[in-house]
Amino acid sequence: MDHGISGSPSSLLWIFLLLFGLCLSSHAQQLGAAHVVDRKPHDPTLWHTHIDGTHIFNFNVSWVFANPDDPDGDGDAAKGDAAKPVIGINGKWPLPVIEVTVGDRIIVNLLNLLGGQPTSLHFHGIYLRNETHMDGPVHVSQCPIPPGSSFTYNFTVTQPGIYWYHSHVHGQYPDGLRGPLIVHDPDNPFEDKYSETQLLTVSDWYHDNMPELIGWFMSKANPTGAEPVPDSGLFNDALNATIAVKPKTTYRFDMINMGAFANVYIWFEGHSMTIIMIDGVYTQLVETNMIYLTPGQRCSFLITTKADTSANFPFIASMDLNLFDNPSTNFESNITGWLVYDEKKALPVPADLYEPFSPVDDVRLAPLDNQALLGEPDQVVQLDVMMDNLRDGANYAFFNNVTYVPPKVPTLYTVMTSKDLATNPTVYGTHTHTIVLKKNDIVEIVLNNFDPGTHPFHLHGHNFQVVWRSEPDAGPFQDSNITSSDFARVPMRRDTVVVHPNGNLVLRFKADNPGVWLFHCHIEWHVQSGLMATFVEAPLEIQQSLTIPPDHLEVCEKMKIPTEGNAAGNATDFLNLDGENAPPDRLPDGYTSSGIVAFVFSCLTGILGVITIAWYGFAEGVNEGEEKKVRIEGQQDGAGDVELTDMRTDSTLVDEDRVNERK
């Protein structure tokens, strides 16, 4: 039966206010499961056991309220100080530090208590040799872990260094689900050069939650693709961090950029830094006064404190403003902490330091093991970075005109079920940008950045040699007249590297770790807009060595995601991709950014006109008893359908118009 609504403008206004109030009430109820954060240290006896080299971590992932950038603790919402829901572990935030030793086994038993969001964990920088199914990115090596479900990550750590763990689903980690992972080295070559260690994380921070921000970012209301600018920044998940230090002592600082967007310049007033490790790779000692750290990157360095304790010293992480399109007029780009020699002394205001900054060039940081330049490549992969709008009006990111769209079957499960066809990239779909690698081949990535912004690119499952990086505005590599004779003889190695605006870089690695590994920009907004490619490395070896655990398959069943077949879910004809997930169509030739902006404002004007007319009467049919459903990102044909009563619509869901089904 059709029930219409009509009336005068005043009555419609009251109806609007009533509905608005109900929405606020509903939102409050949705967040009601969260509780005020407890920032006291985690009691490891409650969530961590260690027996004979095996560390078992029991992580209950749930919502808590936190307000890490409230400087005076007054919770003044007018100043943006109000607490927001963040994702905690075992009722606490910040998250616990995972600390193990090389050769240890990590077992994480994760229980998703978020209520409205699926989740996952990725262990950033950990190679996971022969354990690619523990890598964590959803639709790649696993299915999303639905609310109320458990999932076990179980792997051995074979490399020392500073790493971190974070969610790898729907832009979730900037809402709090990220923490440090430290792997101690019994054979640390620099152990005799310092006596104290200090973990130091840096991150940007948003007052709004990611689902709302992503909804705006990936919409026609934002046709230029302007990334949301963070509201503030944090050291060790706090504002105005202080670190007590002793005089005449050498400290090892292990620093992680756990941010979503901001690259940062870092310096310590009155102190120099001696770099000893980047992204888990020991380096030759290099002294510097400033480093540059992008999201995903880590750096370990030594600082020797002064003999004089009469003053305290600020340390600063200054966000790279070249990344931000529209920062607010009162935006504070500097994150400040202090080395405290004497807690009774004042915390001085940082001295003015003006751009251009001069951080150490990380390409100079030769590895301590002196690994020589890998030989001529067996396979060259060229990836051209660009941004463009599609027919839905939103701005997308592309490698070689392909914007990533998740497949219906996780890529690893296509590997496991496609038999000999696993070596054929077709089975992985048109929009996952999959490159199949042969075991032990030398792979060269030539990356050309046709975008005026910097991008930090991260490779799962490996680190790589950075054999060449151009200056900004150098154009594509193939036009540079650079040859392999110009490459560094002992190249810098790391797992996350920045490419300059309109520049290029060349990477090499050996395909000696069979698995399914993403290569993507670690700006979380660009992950959302599709700047990802997939390496399927030695797929036949994966089939022979790997067994998917039952609990991994169970979460797929709960999410109604198939675990057999090609990217389209076709388990009969693996070369038939009918029905695969696809992005919106391309715009007709001739559309420009300015034209799109004009088009959007024209649409907004039309919408305002319709709203005005609606004040004088409208009717909207509501079908009684109809079961309303929404879709998880990347899923179609019922794969991932979730009733609204089971999942918050403001959490991990996207507009269905963004993911089409190709017939």
Foldseek 3Di string as FASTA:
>chain_A
DFDWDWDFLVVVVVVVVVVVVVVVVVVCVLCVVAEAADADADDCVVAWDDDPQEIEGEWEKEKYWDFFEPPVPPCPVVVLRPTDIFIETPRHPPYHEAEGAAFGKYKYKYAYQHQFDFWWKAWFLFQQFLHQLLGTADLANFHTFAHGAIDMRIGHGHAFDKIKMAIRAQLRCLSRGMDIYGYDYPPPPCVVVFDAEEEKEKEFHASDHRLVQLQCQFALVNLVSFHDDGQGMDIVSHAAAEDEDEAQGKYKYKYAYQYQAWKWKKFKPPKKKWWQDKQRFGFDTDIDGIAIGDHSIITITMIGHHNDQPDKIKMWIFTDCVSHDDDDPPGDRIGIYIHHSDPVHDYDDDDDDDDPDDHDDLFPTFTPVLDFDDDDFPEEAEWEWDWHAFPSNHIFIGTVPAFAARFLAHLLLQLQQVPPCSQPCLLQDDRQQEDEAEAFTKYKYKYFYAAQAKFKKFKHSDKWFFFDADDALCAGPVPNPDDSVSTDGRTRIHGIDMHHGRIITMIIDTLNRAHKMKIATSNNSNVSRGRIHIYGYNSVVSNVSDDDDPSSVVSQVVQQRDSAEGRQPDNPDSNDNAFIKGFHHHDPPPDDSVNSVVVVVVVVVVVVVVVVVCSNIDIDTDDPPDFDWAAAGNHDPSRRIDGCVRHPPSDGGHDPNGIDTHD
